[in-house]
Amino acid sequence: MSSFKYEKMPRDAKSANSDYGSFCATPTGVDGSSPPTRGGPITTTPYQQVQNSSADQIDNSIIAGDLYQREPLLSDSETEDEPSPPQNAPGSGGGGGGGGSRLPTDRGAPVKLTVPPGSAAGAGNTAPSSRSNRGDEKIPNEPLKTLLAGLFLGSGFVATTSSLAITHESVPDIDPLPDVILDHVAYQQWGLDVSEILIMISTITAFLVVIFHFHRFIILRRIFFLLGCLYYYRAITMFITVLPKADPSYTCNPKLDNTTALPALVIIKRVLILISGMGLSINGKHIYCGDYIFSGHTMVLTMGYLVIKEYSPRRFFVLHWLSFLTSLAGIIMLLIARGHYSIDCLIAYYITTRMWWIYHTLANNNNLKSRGNHNFFDQMWWWLIFRYFEKQIDVPLPRKYNFPLPKRIKRYFKRCFRSCFQWRRRQQQRSEDGSSGGNAASHP
């Protein structure tokens, strides 16, 4: 058997063992003959003979159809088409030897990409700061900001009660407005008391969920701020549009004879009465009418459910459903008692849920805490207040819980429990030793 060597075929010639018209090394003998194959020797023919030979045309029909392919479909190396670097160029190794370093041109070679810092966070969020890598225990509570949010809530509640004290003088003494739901539901006077009892249950449950949360100060700050905004909105809406009483049998305080200039002392007195009753009618303090658009009862019920759903453990799905049913039942009881019109409850639900979802969307996305063309939320009037409250919160709040006690008290209780456990263990050991000694004395 003769020896064979591999040679590079010219660009105008075709490889005999290529199926796709690419140029590769075709083995030829030293004397120029082709290597033997299983079917016998193959005679290498020029390009014109391949077209004129019928036998080769039948056997190599696919190759004959690709003979007009003058360029390779995919080259393993780009050194054929790219000029080699000059010998004196840096990295060429000088003198034409292969000792110099060259860039890899193999298409299958691995390529290392350098990712700049901060780009791995994704397009929807900015890179988390070092605080998020240290753990959620480093999230600052910032109780001073919580206090400011509480003052904002108090001012909003004073604003809505002041608006009601003034609006009371403008309530028209006419029949209730037409309402699709109220006109087709039987009136039940006790429904208002049931609705307010459900409000208290929902509020207390939400308060317990928040107070046992590890980041209770941050959650309270968010709730205070959102409720403050809603109370300010409510103060404006009830003052702009005054509706007649939805329940004609509801007793309201008599109006003043002179309503052109309402004395300031009268307004302050009414505000104090409303605040002392926390805006509820069950205690007999809600004796002024006109606070219809929008429903404060629906607002509080919806907020209670949202707090419980968001900040309680995920596995407490039973609590979530009970909270949802409690809020829904409270709204239904409010409607059958004609405490509000249907439009009041609908607007209250819409505004409360949108405020909640917008705020938490902003809080959980760091790129929405900065101005720019990507953020249209920065045009809201309360966005700067939001950024002040949330600029130190880089990550979504984890669902962690503990007892709301100072560290000193916690350590004191731990020591007490530990000492009690140790004392009980010593007593059990003494009793066991005594019983074993008695048994040994009775059996000499």
Protein backbone atom coordinates (compact mmCIF):
# COMPACT_ATOMS: atom_id res chain seq x y z
CA MET A 1 0.00 0.00 0.00
CA SER A 2 1.39 3.34 -1.00
CA SER A 3 1.75 6.20 1.46
CA PHE A 4 -0.53 9.21 1.29
CA LYS A 5 -0.27 12.81 2.33
CA TYR A 6 -2.77 15.64 2.80
CA GLU A 7 -2.54 18.68 0.62
CA LYS A 8 -4.62 21.86 0.38
CA MET A 9 -6.61 21.87 -2.83
CA PRO A 10 -6.77 25.04 -4.90
CA ARG A 11 -9.78 27.28 -4.50
CA ASP A 12 -11.13 26.49 -7.95
CA ALA A 13 -11.07 22.75 -7.41
CA LYS A 14 -13.57 20.69 -5.46
CA SER A 15 -12.88 18.20 -2.71
CA ALA A 16 -13.74 14.64 -3.67
CA ASN A 17 -14.89 13.73 -0.19
CA SER A 18 -16.87 16.90 0.58
CA ASP A 19 -20.65 16.72 0.72
CA TYR A 20 -21.32 20.46 0.93
CA GLY A 21 -18.79 21.94 -1.41
CA SER A 22 -16.39 23.07 1.32
CA PHE A 23 -12.67 22.93 0.74
CA CYS A 24 -10.81 20.38 2.77
CA ALA A 25 -7.72 18.27 2.43
CA THR A 26 -8.23 15.42 -0.04
CA PRO A 27 -5.79 12.55 0.41
CA THR A 28 -3.62 11.89 -2.60
CA GLY A 29 -0.71 9.64 -3.15
CA VAL A 30 2.85 10.68 -3.45
CA ASP A 31 2.61 10.15 -7.17
CA GLY A 32 -0.64 12.10 -7.42
CA SER A 33 -2.96 9.09 -7.42
CA SER A 34 -6.12 8.94 -5.31
CA PRO A 35 -6.41 6.64 -2.31
CA PRO A 36 -8.23 3.33 -2.64
CA THR A 37 -11.78 3.04 -1.37
CA ARG A 38 -14.09 0.19 -0.54
CA GLY A 39 -15.57 0.26 -4.05
CA GLY A 40 -12.20 0.33 -5.76
CA PRO A 41 -9.86 3.08 -6.86
CA ILE A 42 -11.24 6.47 -7.75
CA THR A 43 -9.72 8.30 -10.64
CA THR A 44 -9.38 12.01 -10.06
CA THR A 45 -10.86 13.92 -13.00
CA PRO A 46 -10.78 17.58 -13.74
CA TYR A 47 -13.81 19.82 -13.46
CA GLN A 48 -14.78 19.39 -17.14
CA GLN A 49 -14.50 15.60 -16.95
CA VAL A 50 -16.81 15.45 -13.94
CA GLN A 51 -19.54 17.09 -15.95
CA ASN A 52 -19.02 14.87 -19.03
CA SER A 53 -18.69 11.54 -17.21
CA SER A 54 -22.08 9.89 -16.88
CA ALA A 55 -20.99 7.36 -14.26
CA ASP A 56 -19.46 9.99 -12.04
CA GLN A 57 -22.47 12.22 -12.63
CA ILE A 58 -24.78 9.52 -11.35
CA ASP A 59 -22.65 8.61 -8.36
CA ASN A 60 -21.80 12.18 -7.45
CA SER A 61 -24.97 13.99 -8.42
CA ILE A 62 -25.06 16.00 -5.22
CA ILE A 63 -21.41 16.96 -5.59
CA ALA A 64 -21.96 17.89 -9.24
CA GLY A 65 -24.80 20.19 -8.24
CA ASP A 66 -22.56 21.93 -5.72
CA LEU A 67 -19.63 22.44 -8.04
CA TYR A 68 -20.61 26.07 -8.56
CA GLN A 69 -20.15 26.72 -4.83
CA ARG A 70 -16.97 28.73 -4.92
CA GLU A 71 -16.76 29.65 -1.20
CA PRO A 72 -16.96 27.44 1.88
CA LEU A 73 -20.19 27.57 3.84
CA LEU A 74 -18.41 27.62 7.19
CA SER A 75 -14.69 27.78 7.55
CA ASP A 76 -12.92 26.30 10.53
CA SER A 77 -10.34 29.04 10.45
CA GLU A 78 -10.31 32.59 9.28
CA THR A 79 -6.59 32.70 8.57
CA GLU A 80 -7.25 31.90 4.92
CA ASP A 81 -9.13 35.10 4.20
CA GLU A 82 -7.36 37.31 6.72
CA PRO A 83 -3.86 38.52 6.03
CA SER A 84 -1.27 37.42 8.50
CA PRO A 85 0.18 40.14 10.71
CA PRO A 86 3.47 41.66 9.69
CA GLN A 87 6.54 40.05 11.03
CA ASN A 88 7.56 43.18 12.85
CA ALA A 89 4.12 43.77 14.34
CA PRO A 90 3.70 43.32 18.07
CA GLY A 91 2.71 39.80 18.92
CA SER A 92 3.87 38.32 15.63
CA GLY A 93 6.89 36.79 17.26
CA GLY A 94 9.28 38.46 14.79
CA GLY A 95 11.09 36.46 12.16
CA GLY A 96 8.14 34.47 10.84
CA GLY A 97 8.25 31.82 13.53
CA GLY A 98 5.21 30.60 15.35
CA GLY A 99 6.43 31.66 18.74
CA GLY A 100 4.37 34.87 18.85
CA SER A 101 0.89 35.02 20.49
CA ARG A 102 -2.02 35.41 18.12
CA LEU A 103 -5.68 35.88 18.73
CA PRO A 104 -7.67 32.65 18.41
CA THR A 105 -9.59 32.51 15.14
CA ASP A 106 -11.33 29.18 15.64
CA ARG A 107 -15.08 29.66 15.64
CA GLY A 108 -15.53 26.85 18.14
CA ALA A 109 -13.06 28.27 20.62
CA PRO A 110 -14.56 29.51 23.91
CA VAL A 111 -14.90 33.28 24.25
CA LYS A 112 -14.70 35.03 27.59
CA LEU A 113 -17.01 38.03 27.99
CA THR A 114 -16.34 40.66 30.62
CA VAL A 115 -19.62 41.70 32.26
CA PRO A 116 -19.48 45.19 33.81
CA PRO A 117 -20.54 45.45 37.46
CA GLY A 118 -24.20 46.19 38.00
CA SER A 119 -25.43 44.79 34.68
CA ALA A 120 -26.37 41.40 36.11
CA ALA A 121 -29.30 42.78 38.03
CA GLY A 122 -31.52 42.71 34.99
CA ALA A 123 -33.40 45.36 33.10
CA GLY A 124 -36.27 45.55 35.54
CA ASN A 125 -34.23 46.32 38.61
CA THR A 126 -30.98 47.98 39.51
CA ALA A 127 -28.09 46.18 41.10
CA PRO A 128 -28.63 45.67 44.81
CA SER A 129 -26.35 47.57 47.06
CA SER A 130 -24.00 46.07 49.57
CA ARG A 131 -26.67 46.37 52.24
CA SER A 132 -28.82 43.72 50.52
CA ASN A 133 -25.81 41.35 50.48
CA ARG A 134 -25.25 41.73 54.21
CA GLY A 135 -28.68 40.37 55.04
CA ASP A 136 -32.08 41.78 55.79
CA GLU A 137 -31.09 42.39 59.42
CA LYS A 138 -29.24 45.47 58.20
CA ILE A 139 -32.38 47.13 56.84
CA PRO A 140 -32.72 50.27 58.98
CA ASN A 141 -35.95 50.70 60.91
CA GLU A 142 -35.74 54.50 61.05
CA PRO A 143 -38.35 55.10 63.76
CA LEU A 144 -38.14 58.87 63.26
CA LYS A 145 -39.56 58.50 59.76
CA THR A 146 -42.31 56.29 61.17
CA LEU A 147 -43.14 59.05 63.64
CA LEU A 148 -43.33 61.58 60.81
CA ALA A 149 -45.63 59.26 58.86
CA GLY A 150 -47.82 58.92 61.96
CA LEU A 151 -48.08 62.71 62.22
CA PHE A 152 -49.00 62.84 58.54
CA LEU A 153 -51.78 60.32 59.17
CA GLY A 154 -53.04 62.36 62.11
CA SER A 155 -53.14 65.51 60.02
CA GLY A 156 -55.06 63.68 57.30
CA PHE A 157 -57.62 62.42 59.80
CA VAL A 158 -58.05 65.96 61.17
CA ALA A 159 -58.48 67.24 57.61
CA THR A 160 -61.23 64.75 56.78
CA THR A 161 -63.10 65.40 60.06
CA SER A 162 -62.83 69.15 59.48
CA SER A 163 -64.19 68.70 55.98
CA LEU A 164 -67.12 66.71 57.42
CA ALA A 165 -67.78 69.39 60.06
CA ILE A 166 -68.11 71.98 57.31
CA THR A 167 -69.93 69.77 54.79
CA HIS A 168 -72.61 68.94 57.37
CA GLU A 169 -74.12 72.39 56.82
CA SER A 170 -74.45 71.79 53.05
CA VAL A 171 -76.22 68.42 53.00
CA PRO A 172 -79.43 68.85 50.95
CA ASP A 173 -82.69 67.79 52.60
CA ILE A 174 -83.98 65.72 49.70
CA ASP A 175 -84.70 62.07 49.01
CA PRO A 176 -81.78 59.71 48.45
CA LEU A 177 -80.34 59.51 44.96
CA PRO A 178 -81.21 56.51 42.75
CA ASP A 179 -78.89 53.56 43.31
CA VAL A 180 -79.08 50.26 41.44
CA ILE A 181 -77.97 48.18 44.41
CA LEU A 182 -79.67 50.04 47.26
CA ASP A 183 -82.98 50.19 45.39
CA HIS A 184 -83.07 46.39 45.04
CA VAL A 185 -81.81 45.35 48.49
CA ALA A 186 -83.93 45.22 51.63
CA TYR A 187 -82.93 47.82 54.18
CA GLN A 188 -81.49 46.51 57.46
CA GLN A 189 -80.64 49.05 60.13
CA TRP A 190 -78.42 46.69 62.12
CA GLY A 191 -76.09 46.24 59.14
CA LEU A 192 -74.09 49.37 60.00
CA ASP A 193 -73.21 48.08 63.49
CA VAL A 194 -72.17 44.70 62.04
CA SER A 195 -70.02 46.45 59.45
CA GLU A 196 -68.20 48.48 62.09
CA ILE A 197 -67.64 45.39 64.27
CA LEU A 198 -66.04 43.69 61.27
CA ILE A 199 -63.92 46.81 60.76
CA MET A 200 -62.59 46.53 64.30
CA ILE A 201 -61.84 42.81 63.85
CA SER A 202 -59.99 43.42 60.60
CA THR A 203 -58.04 46.35 62.03
CA ILE A 204 -56.96 44.47 65.15
CA THR A 205 -55.87 41.45 63.11
CA ALA A 206 -53.85 43.61 60.74
CA PHE A 207 -52.26 45.40 63.70
CA LEU A 208 -51.19 42.08 65.25
CA VAL A 209 -49.68 40.93 61.95
CA VAL A 210 -47.67 44.13 61.70
CA ILE A 211 -46.60 44.29 65.33
CA PHE A 212 -45.15 40.75 65.21
CA HIS A 213 -43.31 41.43 61.95
CA PHE A 214 -39.56 41.85 62.17
CA HIS A 215 -39.67 45.14 60.21
CA ARG A 216 -42.72 46.56 61.93
CA PHE A 217 -41.51 50.16 61.85
CA ILE A 218 -41.18 50.14 58.07
CA ILE A 219 -44.62 48.59 57.59
CA LEU A 220 -46.25 51.04 59.99
CA ARG A 221 -44.60 53.90 58.13
CA ARG A 222 -46.06 52.68 54.84
CA ILE A 223 -49.53 52.20 56.28
CA PHE A 224 -49.52 55.58 57.99
CA PHE A 225 -48.47 57.36 54.83
CA LEU A 226 -51.02 55.61 52.61
CA LEU A 227 -53.87 56.19 55.05
CA GLY A 228 -52.85 59.82 55.38
CA CYS A 229 -53.00 60.30 51.60
CA LEU A 230 -56.39 58.58 51.44
CA TYR A 231 -57.79 60.75 54.23
CA TYR A 232 -56.63 63.88 52.42
CA TYR A 233 -58.25 62.66 49.21
CA ARG A 234 -61.45 61.94 51.10
CA ALA A 235 -61.48 65.38 52.66
CA ILE A 236 -61.36 66.93 49.19
CA THR A 237 -63.93 64.71 47.50
CA MET A 238 -66.58 65.00 50.21
CA PHE A 239 -66.16 68.78 50.29
CA ILE A 240 -66.42 69.24 46.51
CA THR A 241 -69.54 67.14 45.92
CA VAL A 242 -72.13 66.89 48.71
CA LEU A 243 -74.71 64.12 48.40
CA PRO A 244 -77.99 63.74 50.29
CA LYS A 245 -78.32 61.12 52.98
CA ALA A 246 -78.46 57.56 51.68
CA ASP A 247 -80.49 56.49 54.75
CA PRO A 248 -83.40 58.84 55.39
CA SER A 249 -83.86 57.42 58.90
CA TYR A 250 -80.29 58.22 59.99
CA THR A 251 -80.29 60.94 62.67
CA CYS A 252 -77.97 63.87 62.08
CA ASN A 253 -77.25 66.83 64.34
CA PRO A 254 -79.28 69.95 63.51
CA LYS A 255 -77.64 72.56 61.34
CA LEU A 256 -76.84 76.10 62.36
CA ASP A 257 -79.16 78.88 61.29
CA ASN A 258 -76.37 81.07 59.93
CA THR A 259 -74.18 79.09 57.59
CA THR A 260 -72.53 82.01 55.82
CA ALA A 261 -69.73 82.22 58.38
CA LEU A 262 -69.27 79.03 60.37
CA PRO A 263 -67.51 79.87 63.64
CA ALA A 264 -64.11 78.28 64.14
CA LEU A 265 -65.03 77.15 67.64
CA VAL A 266 -67.98 75.20 66.25
CA ILE A 267 -65.72 73.44 63.73
CA ILE A 268 -63.17 72.57 66.41
CA LYS A 269 -65.89 71.21 68.69
CA ARG A 270 -67.29 69.02 65.92
CA VAL A 271 -63.84 67.76 65.00
CA LEU A 272 -63.11 66.77 68.59
CA ILE A 273 -66.40 64.88 68.81
CA LEU A 274 -65.68 62.98 65.60
CA ILE A 275 -62.12 62.17 66.64
CA SER A 276 -63.24 60.88 70.01
CA GLY A 277 -65.46 58.35 68.23
CA MET A 278 -62.74 57.36 65.70
CA GLY A 279 -65.20 58.07 62.90
CA LEU A 280 -67.55 55.22 63.88
CA SER A 281 -71.29 55.39 64.42
CA ILE A 282 -71.55 52.47 66.84
CA ASN A 283 -70.38 54.65 69.74
CA GLY A 284 -72.87 57.44 69.00
CA LYS A 285 -70.22 60.05 68.10
CA HIS A 286 -70.74 60.13 64.35
CA ILE A 287 -73.62 62.62 64.42
CA TYR A 288 -72.73 64.70 61.36
CA CYS A 289 -73.70 63.82 57.79
CA GLY A 290 -72.20 64.40 54.37
CA ASP A 291 -69.14 62.12 54.26
CA TYR A 292 -70.22 59.99 51.33
CA ILE A 293 -67.69 60.32 48.51
CA PHE A 294 -65.80 58.21 49.23
CA SER A 295 -66.50 55.53 51.86
CA GLY A 296 -64.14 55.52 54.82
CA HIS A 297 -65.53 52.16 55.99
CA THR A 298 -64.66 50.52 52.67
CA MET A 299 -61.24 52.16 52.70
CA VAL A 300 -60.34 50.72 56.12
CA LEU A 301 -61.75 47.27 55.33
CA THR A 302 -59.78 47.10 52.07
CA MET A 303 -56.61 48.33 53.71
CA GLY A 304 -56.91 45.72 56.47
CA TYR A 305 -57.14 42.90 53.96
CA LEU A 306 -54.19 44.21 51.93
CA VAL A 307 -52.00 44.45 55.02
CA ILE A 308 -52.84 40.92 56.16
CA LYS A 309 -52.38 39.47 52.68
CA GLU A 310 -49.02 41.18 52.08
CA TYR A 311 -47.25 40.91 55.42
CA SER A 312 -48.53 37.71 57.01
CA PRO A 313 -46.84 34.34 56.30
CA ARG A 314 -47.69 32.88 52.91
CA ARG A 315 -48.75 29.59 54.40
CA PHE A 316 -51.50 31.38 56.38
CA PHE A 317 -53.82 31.16 53.40
CA VAL A 318 -56.76 30.45 55.70
CA LEU A 319 -56.18 33.78 57.42
CA HIS A 320 -55.99 35.46 54.02
CA TRP A 321 -59.34 34.07 52.95
CA LEU A 322 -60.95 34.89 56.28
CA SER A 323 -59.69 38.46 56.01
CA PHE A 324 -61.03 38.73 52.47
CA LEU A 325 -64.45 37.41 53.50
CA THR A 326 -64.50 39.73 56.51
CA SER A 327 -63.84 42.79 54.36
CA LEU A 328 -66.39 41.70 51.76
CA ALA A 329 -69.04 41.04 54.41
CA GLY A 330 -68.34 44.43 55.99
CA ILE A 331 -68.94 46.22 52.69
CA ILE A 332 -72.15 44.26 52.07
CA MET A 333 -73.44 45.08 55.54
CA LEU A 334 -72.62 48.73 54.93
CA LEU A 335 -74.68 48.75 51.74
CA ILE A 336 -77.75 46.99 53.13
CA ALA A 337 -77.72 49.48 56.02
CA ARG A 338 -77.52 52.34 53.50
CA GLY A 339 -74.48 53.76 55.21
CA HIS A 340 -73.07 54.72 51.81
CA TYR A 341 -74.02 54.78 48.18
CA SER A 342 -72.65 52.06 45.92
CA ILE A 343 -70.46 54.56 44.07
CA ASP A 344 -68.84 55.53 47.38
CA CYS A 345 -67.72 51.95 48.03
CA LEU A 346 -66.56 51.43 44.45
CA ILE A 347 -64.41 54.57 44.43
CA ALA A 348 -62.97 53.72 47.85
CA TYR A 349 -61.96 50.25 46.71
CA TYR A 350 -60.39 51.54 43.51
CA ILE A 351 -58.37 54.33 45.09
CA THR A 352 -57.17 52.22 48.04
CA THR A 353 -55.99 49.26 45.99
CA ARG A 354 -54.26 51.44 43.37
CA MET A 355 -52.46 53.47 45.98
CA TRP A 356 -51.31 50.28 47.71
CA TRP A 357 -50.11 48.57 44.53
CA ILE A 358 -48.36 51.66 43.17
CA TYR A 359 -46.54 52.32 46.44
CA HIS A 360 -45.30 48.74 46.83
CA THR A 361 -44.29 48.56 43.19
CA LEU A 362 -42.15 51.65 43.71
CA ALA A 363 -40.77 50.31 46.99
CA ASN A 364 -39.67 46.98 45.48
CA ASN A 365 -37.93 48.46 42.41
CA ASN A 366 -34.87 50.57 43.07
CA ASN A 367 -34.80 52.04 39.56
CA LEU A 368 -38.16 53.70 40.29
CA LYS A 369 -36.64 55.61 43.18
CA SER A 370 -34.70 57.89 40.84
CA ARG A 371 -35.79 60.44 38.28
CA GLY A 372 -35.43 59.78 34.58
CA ASN A 373 -37.21 59.07 31.33
CA HIS A 374 -37.82 55.52 32.51
CA ASN A 375 -39.90 56.62 35.50
CA PHE A 376 -43.21 58.42 35.04
CA PHE A 377 -44.16 57.89 38.68
CA ASP A 378 -41.86 60.73 39.71
CA GLN A 379 -44.54 63.15 38.50
CA MET A 380 -46.88 62.22 41.36
CA TRP A 381 -47.08 64.80 44.12
CA TRP A 382 -46.17 62.30 46.86
CA TRP A 383 -43.23 60.68 45.04
CA LEU A 384 -40.63 62.82 46.81
CA ILE A 385 -42.15 61.88 50.19
CA PHE A 386 -42.08 58.24 49.16
CA ARG A 387 -38.43 58.45 48.15
CA TYR A 388 -37.54 60.01 51.49
CA PHE A 389 -39.26 57.17 53.35
CA GLU A 390 -37.94 54.32 51.16
CA LYS A 391 -34.48 55.39 49.94
CA GLN A 392 -32.74 53.17 52.52
CA ILE A 393 -34.85 50.08 51.71
CA ASP A 394 -33.01 48.30 48.89
CA VAL A 395 -34.78 44.93 48.95
CA PRO A 396 -38.36 43.67 49.44
CA LEU A 397 -39.11 43.09 53.09
CA PRO A 398 -38.67 39.42 54.07
CA ARG A 399 -41.42 37.65 55.97
CA LYS A 400 -39.73 37.39 59.35
CA TYR A 401 -41.42 37.65 62.72
CA ASN A 402 -40.51 38.04 66.37
CA PHE A 403 -41.93 39.33 69.64
CA PRO A 404 -42.07 43.13 69.86
CA LEU A 405 -40.04 43.34 73.08
CA PRO A 406 -36.79 45.20 73.83
CA LYS A 407 -33.60 43.14 73.84
CA ARG A 408 -33.11 43.55 77.57
CA ILE A 409 -36.53 42.14 78.33
CA LYS A 410 -35.95 39.28 75.90
CA ARG A 411 -32.64 38.41 77.58
CA TYR A 412 -34.29 38.60 81.00
CA PHE A 413 -37.03 36.17 79.99
CA LYS A 414 -34.46 33.84 78.43
CA ARG A 415 -32.51 33.76 81.68
CA CYS A 416 -35.69 33.11 83.66
CA PHE A 417 -36.74 30.25 81.40
CA ARG A 418 -33.25 28.79 81.44
CA SER A 419 -33.01 28.91 85.26
CA CYS A 420 -36.49 27.39 85.65
CA PHE A 421 -35.59 24.59 83.25
CA GLN A 422 -32.33 23.88 85.06
CA TRP A 423 -34.07 23.88 88.48
CA ARG A 424 -36.71 21.45 87.23
CA ARG A 425 -34.02 19.21 85.78
CA ARG A 426 -32.13 19.14 89.13
CA GLN A 427 -35.34 18.26 90.97
CA GLN A 428 -36.00 15.36 88.61
CA GLN A 429 -32.43 14.12 89.02
CA ARG A 430 -32.69 14.27 92.83
CA SER A 431 -35.95 12.35 92.81
CA GLU A 432 -34.41 9.70 90.55
CA ASP A 433 -31.36 9.40 92.83
CA GLY A 434 -33.59 9.09 95.91
CA SER A 435 -35.73 6.36 94.36
CA SER A 436 -32.66 4.38 93.23
CA GLY A 437 -31.11 4.66 96.77
CA GLY A 438 -34.32 3.40 98.41
CA ASN A 439 -34.47 0.39 96.15
CA ALA A 440 -30.84 -0.47 96.94
CA ALA A 441 -31.52 -0.32 100.75
CA SER A 442 -34.56 -2.60 100.52
CA HIS A 443 -32.55 -5.26 98.64
CA PRO A 444 -29.29 -5.87 100.63
